[in-house]
PDB file of N, CA and C in Angstrom:
ATOM      1  N   UNK A   1      29.175  57.137  15.109  1.00  0.00           N
ATOM      2  CA  UNK A   1      29.942  55.953  15.444  1.00  0.00           C
ATOM      3  C   UNK A   1      31.222  56.340  16.186  1.00  0.00           C
ATOM      4  N   UNK A   2      31.884  57.407  15.744  1.00  0.00           N
ATOM      5  CA  UNK A   2      33.114  57.848  16.405  1.00  0.00           C
ATOM      6  C   UNK A   2      32.846  58.222  17.857  1.00  0.00           C
ATOM      7  N   UNK A   3      31.754  58.927  18.089  1.00  0.00           N
ATOM      8  CA  UNK A   3      31.443  59.380  19.441  1.00  0.00           C
ATOM      9  C   UNK A   3      31.404  58.209  20.423  1.00  0.00           C
ATOM     10  N   UNK A   4      30.662  57.154  20.090  1.00  0.00           N
ATOM     11  CA  UNK A   4      30.525  56.030  21.007  1.00  0.00           C
ATOM     12  C   UNK A   4      31.779  55.165  21.053  1.00  0.00           C
ATOM     13  N   UNK A   5      32.661  55.308  20.086  1.00  0.00           N
ATOM     14  CA  UNK A   5      33.967  54.656  20.187  1.00  0.00           C
ATOM     15  C   UNK A   5      34.818  55.345  21.248  1.00  0.00           C
ATOM     16  N   UNK A   6      34.698  56.636  21.314  1.00  0.00           N
ATOM     17  CA  UNK A   6      35.473  57.402  22.292  1.00  0.00           C
ATOM     18  C   UNK A   6      34.859  57.314  23.684  1.00  0.00           C
ATOM     19  N   UNK A   7      33.535  57.373  23.750  1.00  0.00           N
ATOM     20  CA  UNK A   7      32.830  57.374  25.031  1.00  0.00           C
ATOM     21  C   UNK A   7      31.667  56.381  24.950  1.00  0.00           C
ATOM     22  N   UNK A   8      31.912  55.114  25.277  1.00  0.00           N
ATOM     23  CA  UNK A   8      30.862  54.101  25.104  1.00  0.00           C
ATOM     24  C   UNK A   8      29.747  54.184  26.147  1.00  0.00           C
ATOM     25  N   UNK A   9      29.894  55.109  27.092  1.00  0.00           N
ATOM     26  CA  UNK A   9      28.823  55.344  28.053  1.00  0.00           C
ATOM     27  C   UNK A   9      28.439  56.829  28.049  1.00  0.00           C
ATOM     28  N   UNK A  10      28.646  57.459  26.903  1.00  0.00           N
ATOM     29  CA  UNK A  10      28.339  58.868  26.642  1.00  0.00           C
ATOM     30  C   UNK A  10      29.292  59.846  27.317  1.00  0.00           C
ATOM     31  N   UNK A  11      30.218  59.373  28.132  1.00  0.00           N
ATOM     32  CA  UNK A  11      31.246  60.224  28.709  1.00  0.00           C
ATOM     33  C   UNK A  11      30.744  61.379  29.552  1.00  0.00           C
ATOM     34  N   UNK A  12      29.514  61.308  30.002  1.00  0.00           N
ATOM     35  CA  UNK A  12      28.956  62.398  30.802  1.00  0.00           C
ATOM     36  C   UNK A  12      28.420  63.544  29.961  1.00  0.00           C
ATOM     37  N   UNK A  13      28.481  63.415  28.639  1.00  0.00           N
ATOM     38  CA  UNK A  13      27.987  64.467  27.749  1.00  0.00           C
ATOM     39  C   UNK A  13      26.498  64.282  27.500  1.00  0.00           C
ATOM     40  N   UNK A  14      25.828  65.365  27.144  1.00  0.00           N
ATOM     41  CA  UNK A  14      24.392  65.293  26.890  1.00  0.00           C
ATOM     42  C   UNK A  14      24.064  65.243  25.405  1.00  0.00           C
ATOM     43  N   UNK A  15      25.083  65.379  24.558  1.00  0.00           N
ATOM     44  CA  UNK A  15      24.856  65.319  23.111  1.00  0.00           C
ATOM     45  C   UNK A  15      26.162  65.146  22.364  1.00  0.00           C
ATOM     46  N   UNK A  16      26.047  64.783  21.090  1.00  0.00           N
ATOM     47  CA  UNK A  16      27.232  64.563  20.258  1.00  0.00           C
ATOM     48  C   UNK A  16      28.081  65.824  20.161  1.00  0.00           C
ATOM     49  N   UNK A  17      27.436  66.950  19.897  1.00  0.00           N
ATOM     50  CA  UNK A  17      28.163  68.210  19.710  1.00  0.00           C
ATOM     51  C   UNK A  17      29.004  68.545  20.932  1.00  0.00           C
ATOM     52  N   UNK A  18      28.435  68.401  22.106  1.00  0.00           N
ATOM     53  CA  UNK A  18      29.153  68.714  23.344  1.00  0.00           C
ATOM     54  C   UNK A  18      30.405  67.844  23.483  1.00  0.00           C
ATOM     55  N   UNK A  19      30.271  66.557  23.216  1.00  0.00           N
ATOM     56  CA  UNK A  19      31.415  65.655  23.315  1.00  0.00           C
ATOM     57  C   UNK A  19      32.494  65.977  22.301  1.00  0.00           C
ATOM     58  N   UNK A  20      32.082  66.177  21.054  1.00  0.00           N
ATOM     59  CA  UNK A  20      33.068  66.462  20.005  1.00  0.00           C
ATOM     60  C   UNK A  20      33.717  67.828  20.199  1.00  0.00           C
ATOM     61  N   UNK A  21      32.960  68.790  20.716  1.00  0.00           N
ATOM     62  CA  UNK A  21      33.539  70.109  21.025  1.00  0.00           C
ATOM     63  C   UNK A  21      34.636  69.995  22.080  1.00  0.00           C
ATOM     64  N   UNK A  22      34.510  69.041  22.982  1.00  0.00           N
ATOM     65  CA  UNK A  22      35.529  68.882  24.032  1.00  0.00           C
ATOM     66  C   UNK A  22      36.884  68.485  23.447  1.00  0.00           C
ATOM     67  N   UNK A  23      36.886  67.984  22.217  1.00  0.00           N
ATOM     68  CA  UNK A  23      38.137  67.585  21.573  1.00  0.00           C
ATOM     69  C   UNK A  23      38.903  68.768  20.982  1.00  0.00           C
ATOM     70  N   UNK A  24      38.248  69.909  20.848  1.00  0.00           N
ATOM     71  CA  UNK A  24      38.930  71.095  20.289  1.00  0.00           C
ATOM     72  C   UNK A  24      40.212  71.415  21.043  1.00  0.00           C
ATOM     73  N   UNK A  25      40.172  71.323  22.347  1.00  0.00           N
ATOM     74  CA  UNK A  25      41.331  71.663  23.172  1.00  0.00           C
ATOM     75  C   UNK A  25      42.363  70.536  23.210  1.00  0.00           C
ATOM     76  N   UNK A  26      42.048  69.391  22.640  1.00  0.00           N
ATOM     77  CA  UNK A  26      42.933  68.215  22.690  1.00  0.00           C
ATOM     78  C   UNK A  26      43.744  68.088  21.402  1.00  0.00           C
ATOM     79  N   UNK A  27      44.661  69.018  21.189  1.00  0.00           N
ATOM     80  CA  UNK A  27      45.436  69.056  19.937  1.00  0.00           C
ATOM     81  C   UNK A  27      46.218  67.761  19.721  1.00  0.00           C
ATOM     82  N   UNK A  28      46.857  67.243  20.752  1.00  0.00           N
ATOM     83  CA  UNK A  28      47.648  66.018  20.605  1.00  0.00           C
ATOM     84  C   UNK A  28      46.757  64.844  20.182  1.00  0.00           C
ATOM     85  N   UNK A  29      45.578  64.753  20.769  1.00  0.00           N
ATOM     86  CA  UNK A  29      44.644  63.685  20.399  1.00  0.00           C
ATOM     87  C   UNK A  29      44.238  63.808  18.929  1.00  0.00           C
ATOM     88  N   UNK A  30      43.904  65.027  18.497  1.00  0.00           N
ATOM     89  CA  UNK A  30      43.484  65.241  17.109  1.00  0.00           C
ATOM     90  C   UNK A  30      44.604  64.909  16.142  1.00  0.00           C
ATOM     91  N   UNK A  31      45.832  65.293  16.476  1.00  0.00           N
ATOM     92  CA  UNK A  31      46.980  64.976  15.612  1.00  0.00           C
ATOM     93  C   UNK A  31      47.197  63.472  15.512  1.00  0.00           C
ATOM     94  N   UNK A  32      47.109  62.792  16.642  1.00  0.00           N
ATOM     95  CA  UNK A  32      47.297  61.345  16.635  1.00  0.00           C
ATOM     96  C   UNK A  32      46.176  60.650  15.860  1.00  0.00           C
ATOM     97  N   UNK A  33      44.957  61.134  16.001  1.00  0.00           N
ATOM     98  CA  UNK A  33      43.839  60.552  15.268  1.00  0.00           C
ATOM     99  C   UNK A  33      44.047  60.711  13.757  1.00  0.00           C
ATOM    100  N   UNK A  34      44.522  61.867  13.329  1.00  0.00           N
ATOM    101  CA  UNK A  34      44.818  62.075  11.906  1.00  0.00           C
ATOM    102  C   UNK A  34      45.876  61.087  11.414  1.00  0.00           C
ATOM    103  N   UNK A  35      46.909  60.867  12.222  1.00  0.00           N
ATOM    104  CA  UNK A  35      47.974  59.932  11.847  1.00  0.00           C
ATOM    105  C   UNK A  35      47.436  58.502  11.738  1.00  0.00           C
ATOM    106  N   UNK A  36      46.635  58.106  12.692  1.00  0.00           N
ATOM    107  CA  UNK A  36      46.067  56.751  12.672  1.00  0.00           C
ATOM    108  C   UNK A  36      45.178  56.575  11.442  1.00  0.00           C
ATOM    109  N   UNK A  37      44.303  57.535  11.180  1.00  0.00           N
ATOM    110  CA  UNK A  37      43.413  57.436  10.022  1.00  0.00           C
ATOM    111  C   UNK A  37      44.198  57.413   8.715  1.00  0.00           C
ATOM    112  N   UNK A  38      45.234  58.211   8.619  1.00  0.00           N
ATOM    113  CA  UNK A  38      46.074  58.221   7.427  1.00  0.00           C
ATOM    114  C   UNK A  38      46.738  56.862   7.222  1.00  0.00           C
ATOM    115  N   UNK A  39      47.268  56.310   8.298  1.00  0.00           N
ATOM    116  CA  UNK A  39      47.924  54.994   8.220  1.00  0.00           C
ATOM    117  C   UNK A  39      46.934  53.910   7.782  1.00  0.00           C
ATOM    118  N   UNK A  40      45.749  53.911   8.381  1.00  0.00           N
ATOM    119  CA  UNK A  40      44.740  52.908   8.043  1.00  0.00           C
ATOM    120  C   UNK A  40      44.354  53.021   6.561  1.00  0.00           C
ATOM    121  N   UNK A  41      44.182  54.232   6.079  1.00  0.00           N
ATOM    122  CA  UNK A  41      43.819  54.426   4.668  1.00  0.00           C
ATOM    123  C   UNK A  41      44.930  53.939   3.737  1.00  0.00           C
ATOM    124  N   UNK A  42      46.175  54.162   4.103  1.00  0.00           N
ATOM    125  CA  UNK A  42      47.302  53.705   3.287  1.00  0.00           C
ATOM    126  C   UNK A  42      47.406  52.183   3.258  1.00  0.00           C
ATOM    127  N   UNK A  43      47.003  51.534   4.340  1.00  0.00           N
ATOM    128  CA  UNK A  43      47.132  50.082   4.455  1.00  0.00           C
ATOM    129  C   UNK A  43      45.927  49.312   3.907  1.00  0.00           C
ATOM    130  N   UNK A  44      44.878  50.010   3.559  1.00  0.00           N
ATOM    131  CA  UNK A  44      43.658  49.336   3.083  1.00  0.00           C
ATOM    132  C   UNK A  44      43.974  48.490   1.858  1.00  0.00           C
ATOM    133  N   UNK A  45      43.538  47.232   1.892  1.00  0.00           N
ATOM    134  CA  UNK A  45      43.799  46.333   0.766  1.00  0.00           C
ATOM    135  C   UNK A  45      42.517  45.918   0.042  1.00  0.00           C
ATOM    136  N   UNK A  46      41.401  46.502   0.420  1.00  0.00           N
ATOM    137  CA  UNK A  46      40.135  46.236  -0.252  1.00  0.00           C
ATOM    138  C   UNK A  46      39.200  47.418  -0.045  1.00  0.00           C
ATOM    139  N   UNK A  47      38.146  47.440  -0.809  1.00  0.00           N
ATOM    140  CA  UNK A  47      37.195  48.535  -0.701  1.00  0.00           C
ATOM    141  C   UNK A  47      35.873  48.014  -0.159  1.00  0.00           C
ATOM    142  N   UNK A  48      35.426  48.565   0.952  1.00  0.00           N
ATOM    143  CA  UNK A  48      34.148  48.148   1.522  1.00  0.00           C
ATOM    144  C   UNK A  48      32.996  48.452   0.562  1.00  0.00           C
ATOM    145  N   UNK A  49      31.976  47.630   0.627  1.00  0.00           N
ATOM    146  CA  UNK A  49      30.808  47.771  -0.239  1.00  0.00           C
ATOM    147  C   UNK A  49      29.633  48.264   0.607  1.00  0.00           C
ATOM    148  N   UNK A  50      28.976  49.352   0.177  1.00  0.00           N
ATOM    149  CA  UNK A  50      27.826  49.838   0.947  1.00  0.00           C
ATOM    150  C   UNK A  50      26.697  48.802   0.978  1.00  0.00           C
ATOM    151  N   UNK A  51      25.898  48.835   2.019  1.00  0.00           N
ATOM    152  CA  UNK A  51      24.710  47.992   2.068  1.00  0.00           C
ATOM    153  C   UNK A  51      23.732  48.477   1.004  1.00  0.00           C
ATOM    154  N   UNK A  52      22.879  47.588   0.555  1.00  0.00           N
ATOM    155  CA  UNK A  52      21.920  47.974  -0.474  1.00  0.00           C
ATOM    156  C   UNK A  52      20.496  47.699   0.008  1.00  0.00           C
ATOM    157  N   UNK A  53      19.548  48.036  -0.816  1.00  0.00           N
ATOM    158  CA  UNK A  53      18.152  47.785  -0.492  1.00  0.00           C
ATOM    159  C   UNK A  53      17.669  48.612   0.681  1.00  0.00           C
ATOM    160  N   UNK A  54      16.845  47.998   1.516  1.00  0.00           N
ATOM    161  CA  UNK A  54      16.220  48.737   2.619  1.00  0.00           C
ATOM    162  C   UNK A  54      17.203  49.155   3.698  1.00  0.00           C
ATOM    163  N   UNK A  55      18.426  48.626   3.678  1.00  0.00           N
ATOM    164  CA  UNK A  55      19.450  49.008   4.669  1.00  0.00           C
ATOM    165  C   UNK A  55      20.511  49.945   4.089  1.00  0.00           C
ATOM    166  N   UNK A  56      20.288  50.476   2.906  1.00  0.00           N
ATOM    167  CA  UNK A  56      21.303  51.312   2.248  1.00  0.00           C
ATOM    168  C   UNK A  56      21.640  52.583   3.025  1.00  0.00           C
ATOM    169  N   UNK A  57      20.741  53.039   3.879  1.00  0.00           N
ATOM    170  CA  UNK A  57      20.993  54.254   4.671  1.00  0.00           C
ATOM    171  C   UNK A  57      21.819  53.984   5.934  1.00  0.00           C
ATOM    172  N   UNK A  58      22.017  52.719   6.271  1.00  0.00           N
ATOM    173  CA  UNK A  58      22.778  52.360   7.472  1.00  0.00           C
ATOM    174  C   UNK A  58      24.272  52.534   7.168  1.00  0.00           C
ATOM    175  N   UNK A  59      25.010  53.250   8.022  1.00  0.00           N
ATOM    176  CA  UNK A  59      26.428  53.530   7.736  1.00  0.00           C
ATOM    177  C   UNK A  59      27.374  52.369   8.063  1.00  0.00           C
ATOM    178  N   UNK A  60      27.022  51.178   7.614  1.00  0.00           N
ATOM    179  CA  UNK A  60      27.898  50.009   7.730  1.00  0.00           C
ATOM    180  C   UNK A  60      28.212  49.528   6.328  1.00  0.00           C
ATOM    181  N   UNK A  61      29.333  48.856   6.168  1.00  0.00           N
ATOM    182  CA  UNK A  61      29.753  48.360   4.867  1.00  0.00           C
ATOM    183  C   UNK A  61      30.061  46.869   4.956  1.00  0.00           C
ATOM    184  N   UNK A  62      29.887  46.182   3.831  1.00  0.00           N
ATOM    185  CA  UNK A  62      30.242  44.772   3.724  1.00  0.00           C
ATOM    186  C   UNK A  62      31.761  44.680   3.599  1.00  0.00           C
ATOM    187  N   UNK A  63      32.360  43.641   4.115  1.00  0.00           N
ATOM    188  CA  UNK A  63      33.818  43.422   4.107  1.00  0.00           C
ATOM    189  C   UNK A  63      34.548  44.458   4.961  1.00  0.00           C
ATOM    190  N   UNK A  64      33.949  44.821   6.069  1.00  0.00           N
ATOM    191  CA  UNK A  64      34.552  45.765   7.005  1.00  0.00           C
ATOM    192  C   UNK A  64      34.494  45.177   8.400  1.00  0.00           C
ATOM    193  N   UNK A  65      35.355  45.677   9.259  1.00  0.00           N
ATOM    194  CA  UNK A  65      35.377  45.232  10.651  1.00  0.00           C
ATOM    195  C   UNK A  65      34.880  46.369  11.533  1.00  0.00           C
ATOM    196  N   UNK A  66      33.987  46.036  12.453  1.00  0.00           N
ATOM    197  CA  UNK A  66      33.424  47.020  13.364  1.00  0.00           C
ATOM    198  C   UNK A  66      33.456  46.481  14.781  1.00  0.00           C
ATOM    199  N   UNK A  67      33.558  47.374  15.739  1.00  0.00           N
ATOM    200  CA  UNK A  67      33.425  46.937  17.125  1.00  0.00           C
ATOM    201  C   UNK A  67      31.982  47.162  17.582  1.00  0.00           C
ATOM    202  N   UNK A  68      31.681  46.715  18.776  1.00  0.00           N
ATOM    203  CA  UNK A  68      30.331  46.790  19.331  1.00  0.00           C
ATOM    204  C   UNK A  68      29.775  48.210  19.311  1.00  0.00           C
ATOM    205  N   UNK A  69      30.556  49.174  19.745  1.00  0.00           N
ATOM    206  CA  UNK A  69      30.084  50.563  19.805  1.00  0.00           C
ATOM    207  C   UNK A  69      29.701  51.071  18.425  1.00  0.00           C
ATOM    208  N   UNK A  70      30.506  50.768  17.427  1.00  0.00           N
ATOM    209  CA  UNK A  70      30.231  51.224  16.065  1.00  0.00           C
ATOM    210  C   UNK A  70      28.965  50.587  15.504  1.00  0.00           C
ATOM    211  N   UNK A  71      28.810  49.287  15.718  1.00  0.00           N
ATOM    212  CA  UNK A  71      27.632  48.584  15.198  1.00  0.00           C
ATOM    213  C   UNK A  71      26.360  49.127  15.837  1.00  0.00           C
ATOM    214  N   UNK A  72      26.355  49.227  17.158  1.00  0.00           N
ATOM    215  CA  UNK A  72      25.155  49.691  17.849  1.00  0.00           C
ATOM    216  C   UNK A  72      24.816  51.138  17.495  1.00  0.00           C
ATOM    217  N   UNK A  73      25.818  51.977  17.307  1.00  0.00           N
ATOM    218  CA  UNK A  73      25.568  53.366  16.904  1.00  0.00           C
ATOM    219  C   UNK A  73      25.030  53.419  15.478  1.00  0.00           C
ATOM    220  N   UNK A  74      25.631  52.656  14.579  1.00  0.00           N
ATOM    221  CA  UNK A  74      25.200  52.661  13.179  1.00  0.00           C
ATOM    222  C   UNK A  74      23.758  52.174  13.031  1.00  0.00           C
ATOM    223  N   UNK A  75      23.353  51.230  13.863  1.00  0.00           N
ATOM    224  CA  UNK A  75      21.998  50.694  13.794  1.00  0.00           C
ATOM    225  C   UNK A  75      20.988  51.556  14.545  1.00  0.00           C
ATOM    226  N   UNK A  76      21.470  52.604  15.204  1.00  0.00           N
ATOM    227  CA  UNK A  76      20.584  53.500  15.930  1.00  0.00           C
ATOM    228  C   UNK A  76      20.194  52.992  17.306  1.00  0.00           C
ATOM    229  N   UNK A  77      20.839  51.926  17.758  1.00  0.00           N
ATOM    230  CA  UNK A  77      20.542  51.373  19.083  1.00  0.00           C
ATOM    231  C   UNK A  77      21.208  52.225  20.153  1.00  0.00           C
ATOM    232  N   UNK A  78      22.488  52.532  19.965  1.00  0.00           N
ATOM    233  CA  UNK A  78      23.223  53.379  20.910  1.00  0.00           C
ATOM    234  C   UNK A  78      22.841  54.826  20.625  1.00  0.00           C
ATOM    235  N   UNK A  79      22.230  55.459  21.601  1.00  0.00           N
ATOM    236  CA  UNK A  79      21.803  56.847  21.415  1.00  0.00           C
ATOM    237  C   UNK A  79      21.544  57.498  22.773  1.00  0.00           C
ATOM    238  N   UNK A  80      21.605  58.818  22.776  1.00  0.00           N
ATOM    239  CA  UNK A  80      21.305  59.556  24.000  1.00  0.00           C
ATOM    240  C   UNK A  80      19.849  59.310  24.365  1.00  0.00           C
ATOM    241  N   UNK A  81      19.605  59.075  25.633  1.00  0.00           N
ATOM    242  CA  UNK A  81      18.263  58.782  26.083  1.00  0.00           C
ATOM    243  C   UNK A  81      17.871  57.341  25.832  1.00  0.00           C
ATOM    244  N   UNK A  82      18.817  56.549  25.349  1.00  0.00           N
ATOM    245  CA  UNK A  82      18.545  55.138  25.067  1.00  0.00           C
ATOM    246  C   UNK A  82      19.668  54.271  25.604  1.00  0.00           C
ATOM    247  N   UNK A  83      19.879  53.191  24.943  1.00  0.00           N
ATOM    248  CA  UNK A  83      20.895  52.226  25.364  1.00  0.00           C
ATOM    249  C   UNK A  83      22.296  52.731  25.032  1.00  0.00           C
ATOM    250  N   UNK A  84      23.235  52.514  25.930  1.00  0.00           N
ATOM    251  CA  UNK A  84      24.630  52.843  25.693  1.00  0.00           C
ATOM    252  C   UNK A  84      25.370  51.567  25.296  1.00  0.00           C
ATOM    253  N   UNK A  85      26.374  51.660  24.422  1.00  0.00           N
ATOM    254  CA  UNK A  85      27.102  50.467  23.994  1.00  0.00           C
ATOM    255  C   UNK A  85      27.662  49.643  25.151  1.00  0.00           C
ATOM    256  N   UNK A  86      28.093  50.299  26.207  1.00  0.00           N
ATOM    257  CA  UNK A  86      28.698  49.600  27.342  1.00  0.00           C
ATOM    258  C   UNK A  86      27.724  48.604  27.986  1.00  0.00           C
ATOM    259  N   UNK A  87      26.424  48.846  27.853  1.00  0.00           N
ATOM    260  CA  UNK A  87      25.436  47.994  28.513  1.00  0.00           C
ATOM    261  C   UNK A  87      25.110  46.724  27.724  1.00  0.00           C
ATOM    262  N   UNK A  88      25.712  46.560  26.567  1.00  0.00           N
ATOM    263  CA  UNK A  88      25.430  45.385  25.732  1.00  0.00           C
ATOM    264  C   UNK A  88      26.749  44.756  25.318  1.00  0.00           C
ATOM    265  N   UNK A  89      27.030  43.543  25.780  1.00  0.00           N
ATOM    266  CA  UNK A  89      28.321  42.908  25.487  1.00  0.00           C
ATOM    267  C   UNK A  89      28.239  41.957  24.305  1.00  0.00           C
ATOM    268  N   UNK A  90      27.318  41.010  24.370  1.00  0.00           N
ATOM    269  CA  UNK A  90      27.179  40.045  23.288  1.00  0.00           C
ATOM    270  C   UNK A  90      25.785  39.467  23.315  1.00  0.00           C
ATOM    271  N   UNK A  91      25.397  38.896  22.192  1.00  0.00           N
ATOM    272  CA  UNK A  91      24.071  38.301  22.088  1.00  0.00           C
ATOM    273  C   UNK A  91      23.339  38.849  20.881  1.00  0.00           C
ATOM    274  N   UNK A  92      22.017  38.775  20.923  1.00  0.00           N
ATOM    275  CA  UNK A  92      21.181  39.214  19.818  1.00  0.00           C
ATOM    276  C   UNK A  92      20.508  40.531  20.201  1.00  0.00           C
ATOM    277  N   UNK A  93      20.611  41.512  19.332  1.00  0.00           N
ATOM    278  CA  UNK A  93      19.964  42.812  19.544  1.00  0.00           C
ATOM    279  C   UNK A  93      18.970  43.031  18.414  1.00  0.00           C
ATOM    280  N   UNK A  94      17.692  42.967  18.711  1.00  0.00           N
ATOM    281  CA  UNK A  94      16.654  43.226  17.718  1.00  0.00           C
ATOM    282  C   UNK A  94      16.548  44.727  17.501  1.00  0.00           C
ATOM    283  N   UNK A  95      16.563  45.162  16.245  1.00  0.00           N
ATOM    284  CA  UNK A  95      16.438  46.580  15.909  1.00  0.00           C
ATOM    285  C   UNK A  95      15.109  46.757  15.180  1.00  0.00           C
ATOM    286  N   UNK A  96      14.101  47.137  15.938  1.00  0.00           N
ATOM    287  CA  UNK A  96      12.727  47.248  15.423  1.00  0.00           C
ATOM    288  C   UNK A  96      12.641  48.162  14.205  1.00  0.00           C
ATOM    289  N   UNK A  97      13.265  49.343  14.278  1.00  0.00           N
ATOM    290  CA  UNK A  97      13.165  50.335  13.199  1.00  0.00           C
ATOM    291  C   UNK A  97      13.694  49.808  11.875  1.00  0.00           C
ATOM    292  N   UNK A  98      14.651  48.886  11.923  1.00  0.00           N
ATOM    293  CA  UNK A  98      15.252  48.334  10.704  1.00  0.00           C
ATOM    294  C   UNK A  98      14.725  46.941  10.372  1.00  0.00           C
ATOM    295  N   UNK A  99      13.992  46.357  11.304  1.00  0.00           N
ATOM    296  CA  UNK A  99      13.485  45.008  11.086  1.00  0.00           C
ATOM    297  C   UNK A  99      14.616  44.002  10.923  1.00  0.00           C
ATOM    298  N   UNK A 100      15.635  44.136  11.760  1.00  0.00           N
ATOM    299  CA  UNK A 100      16.802  43.251  11.632  1.00  0.00           C
ATOM    300  C   UNK A 100      17.395  42.934  12.995  1.00  0.00           C
ATOM    301  N   UNK A 101      18.139  41.855  13.052  1.00  0.00           N
ATOM    302  CA  UNK A 101      18.858  41.451  14.258  1.00  0.00           C
ATOM    303  C   UNK A 101      20.337  41.741  14.086  1.00  0.00           C
ATOM    304  N   UNK A 102      20.975  42.180  15.147  1.00  0.00           N
ATOM    305  CA  UNK A 102      22.436  42.280  15.191  1.00  0.00           C
ATOM    306  C   UNK A 102      22.899  41.122  16.066  1.00  0.00           C
ATOM    307  N   UNK A 103      23.741  40.276  15.528  1.00  0.00           N
ATOM    308  CA  UNK A 103      24.258  39.120  16.257  1.00  0.00           C
ATOM    309  C   UNK A 103      25.702  39.421  16.639  1.00  0.00           C
ATOM    310  N   UNK A 104      25.937  39.686  17.922  1.00  0.00           N
ATOM    311  CA  UNK A 104      27.262  40.064  18.387  1.00  0.00           C
ATOM    312  C   UNK A 104      27.848  38.943  19.244  1.00  0.00           C
ATOM    313  N   UNK A 105      29.078  38.579  18.924  1.00  0.00           N
ATOM    314  CA  UNK A 105      29.767  37.530  19.664  1.00  0.00           C
ATOM    315  C   UNK A 105      31.135  38.025  20.088  1.00  0.00           C
ATOM    316  N   UNK A 106      31.675  37.383  21.103  1.00  0.00           N
ATOM    317  CA  UNK A 106      33.053  37.630  21.503  1.00  0.00           C
ATOM    318  C   UNK A 106      33.825  36.402  21.053  1.00  0.00           C
ATOM    319  N   UNK A 107      34.784  36.592  20.176  1.00  0.00           N
ATOM    320  CA  UNK A 107      35.524  35.479  19.614  1.00  0.00           C
ATOM    321  C   UNK A 107      36.988  35.600  20.010  1.00  0.00           C
ATOM    322  N   UNK A 108      37.417  34.696  20.836  1.00  0.00           N
ATOM    323  CA  UNK A 108      38.815  34.645  21.247  1.00  0.00           C
ATOM    324  C   UNK A 108      39.292  33.211  21.097  1.00  0.00           C
ATOM    325  N   UNK A 109      40.277  33.009  20.258  1.00  0.00           N
ATOM    326  CA  UNK A 109      40.813  31.665  20.063  1.00  0.00           C
ATOM    327  C   UNK A 109      42.229  31.621  20.620  1.00  0.00           C
ATOM    328  N   UNK A 110      42.524  30.532  21.316  1.00  0.00           N
ATOM    329  CA  UNK A 110      43.839  30.342  21.878  1.00  0.00           C
ATOM    330  C   UNK A 110      44.143  28.853  21.828  1.00  0.00           C
ATOM    331  N   UNK A 111      45.335  28.479  21.368  1.00  0.00           N
ATOM    332  CA  UNK A 111      45.699  27.073  21.227  1.00  0.00           C
ATOM    333  C   UNK A 111      45.573  26.301  22.530  1.00  0.00           C
ATOM    334  N   UNK A 112      45.820  26.932  23.664  1.00  0.00           N
ATOM    335  CA  UNK A 112      45.757  26.218  24.945  1.00  0.00           C
ATOM    336  C   UNK A 112      44.344  25.749  25.280  1.00  0.00           C
ATOM    337  N   UNK A 113      43.325  26.335  24.600  1.00  0.00           N
ATOM    338  CA  UNK A 113      41.941  25.946  24.850  1.00  0.00           C
ATOM    339  C   UNK A 113      41.494  24.719  24.052  1.00  0.00           C
ATOM    340  N   UNK A 114      42.372  24.190  23.198  1.00  0.00           N
ATOM    341  CA  UNK A 114      42.010  23.057  22.356  1.00  0.00           C
ATOM    342  C   UNK A 114      42.894  21.861  22.685  1.00  0.00           C
ATOM    343  N   UNK A 115      42.275  20.703  22.847  1.00  0.00           N
ATOM    344  CA  UNK A 115      43.057  19.492  23.089  1.00  0.00           C
ATOM    345  C   UNK A 115      43.607  18.996  21.756  1.00  0.00           C
ATOM    346  N   UNK A 116      44.707  18.249  21.764  1.00  0.00           N
ATOM    347  CA  UNK A 116      45.302  17.770  20.510  1.00  0.00           C
ATOM    348  C   UNK A 116      44.318  17.040  19.588  1.00  0.00           C
ATOM    349  N   UNK A 117      43.421  16.170  20.087  1.00  0.00           N
ATOM    350  CA  UNK A 117      42.496  15.503  19.171  1.00  0.00           C
ATOM    351  C   UNK A 117      41.517  16.454  18.477  1.00  0.00           C
ATOM    352  N   UNK A 118      41.205  17.582  19.124  1.00  0.00           N
ATOM    353  CA  UNK A 118      40.231  18.491  18.506  1.00  0.00           C
ATOM    354  C   UNK A 118      40.889  19.553  17.627  1.00  0.00           C
ATOM    355  N   UNK A 119      42.216  19.643  17.677  1.00  0.00           N
ATOM    356  CA  UNK A 119      42.914  20.626  16.846  1.00  0.00           C
ATOM    357  C   UNK A 119      42.893  20.172  15.394  1.00  0.00           C
ATOM    358  N   UNK A 120      42.792  21.121  14.492  1.00  0.00           N
ATOM    359  CA  UNK A 120      42.794  20.806  13.081  1.00  0.00           C
ATOM    360  C   UNK A 120      44.181  20.454  12.612  1.00  0.00           C
ATOM    361  N   UNK A 121      44.287  19.361  11.868  1.00  0.00           N
ATOM    362  CA  UNK A 121      45.593  18.952  11.332  1.00  0.00           C
ATOM    363  C   UNK A 121      45.548  19.024   9.817  1.00  0.00           C
ATOM    364  N   UNK A 122      46.651  19.436   9.247  1.00  0.00           N
ATOM    365  CA  UNK A 122      46.736  19.422   7.781  1.00  0.00           C
ATOM    366  C   UNK A 122      47.684  18.327   7.365  1.00  0.00           C
ATOM    367  N   UNK A 123      47.357  17.664   6.282  1.00  0.00           N
ATOM    368  CA  UNK A 123      48.218  16.600   5.743  1.00  0.00           C
ATOM    369  C   UNK A 123      48.661  16.968   4.362  1.00  0.00           C
ATOM    370  N   UNK A 124      49.757  16.403   3.978  1.00  0.00           N
ATOM    371  CA  UNK A 124      50.283  16.666   2.621  1.00  0.00           C
ATOM    372  C   UNK A 124      50.246  15.428   1.801  1.00  0.00           C
TER     373      UNK A 124
END
């Protein structure tokens, strides 16, 4: 999942090892990544729940947020010699090996897109 987050079109690499090895020389990147991960772990306010049953081997958790690259990699869709995350923006992705659909949407809400009659009002 990390690999396709960094390079959603494989970054010109032919395998995971080659891409991750390229980070060895990137000390500043590795230090910053450690800081970000440490901060995220400190700020966590809930614990993700692993999937169960026939999907228990999939590295996704309930009550977690994922981006497109992470979801497609976790489901085995994004892979070398196959589909790259960059080629799939939104819609339904059938995953034959898992017998499941991934439903991906782009959700952007902005007040300017709603007229006053359609905006939700609260009353007291």
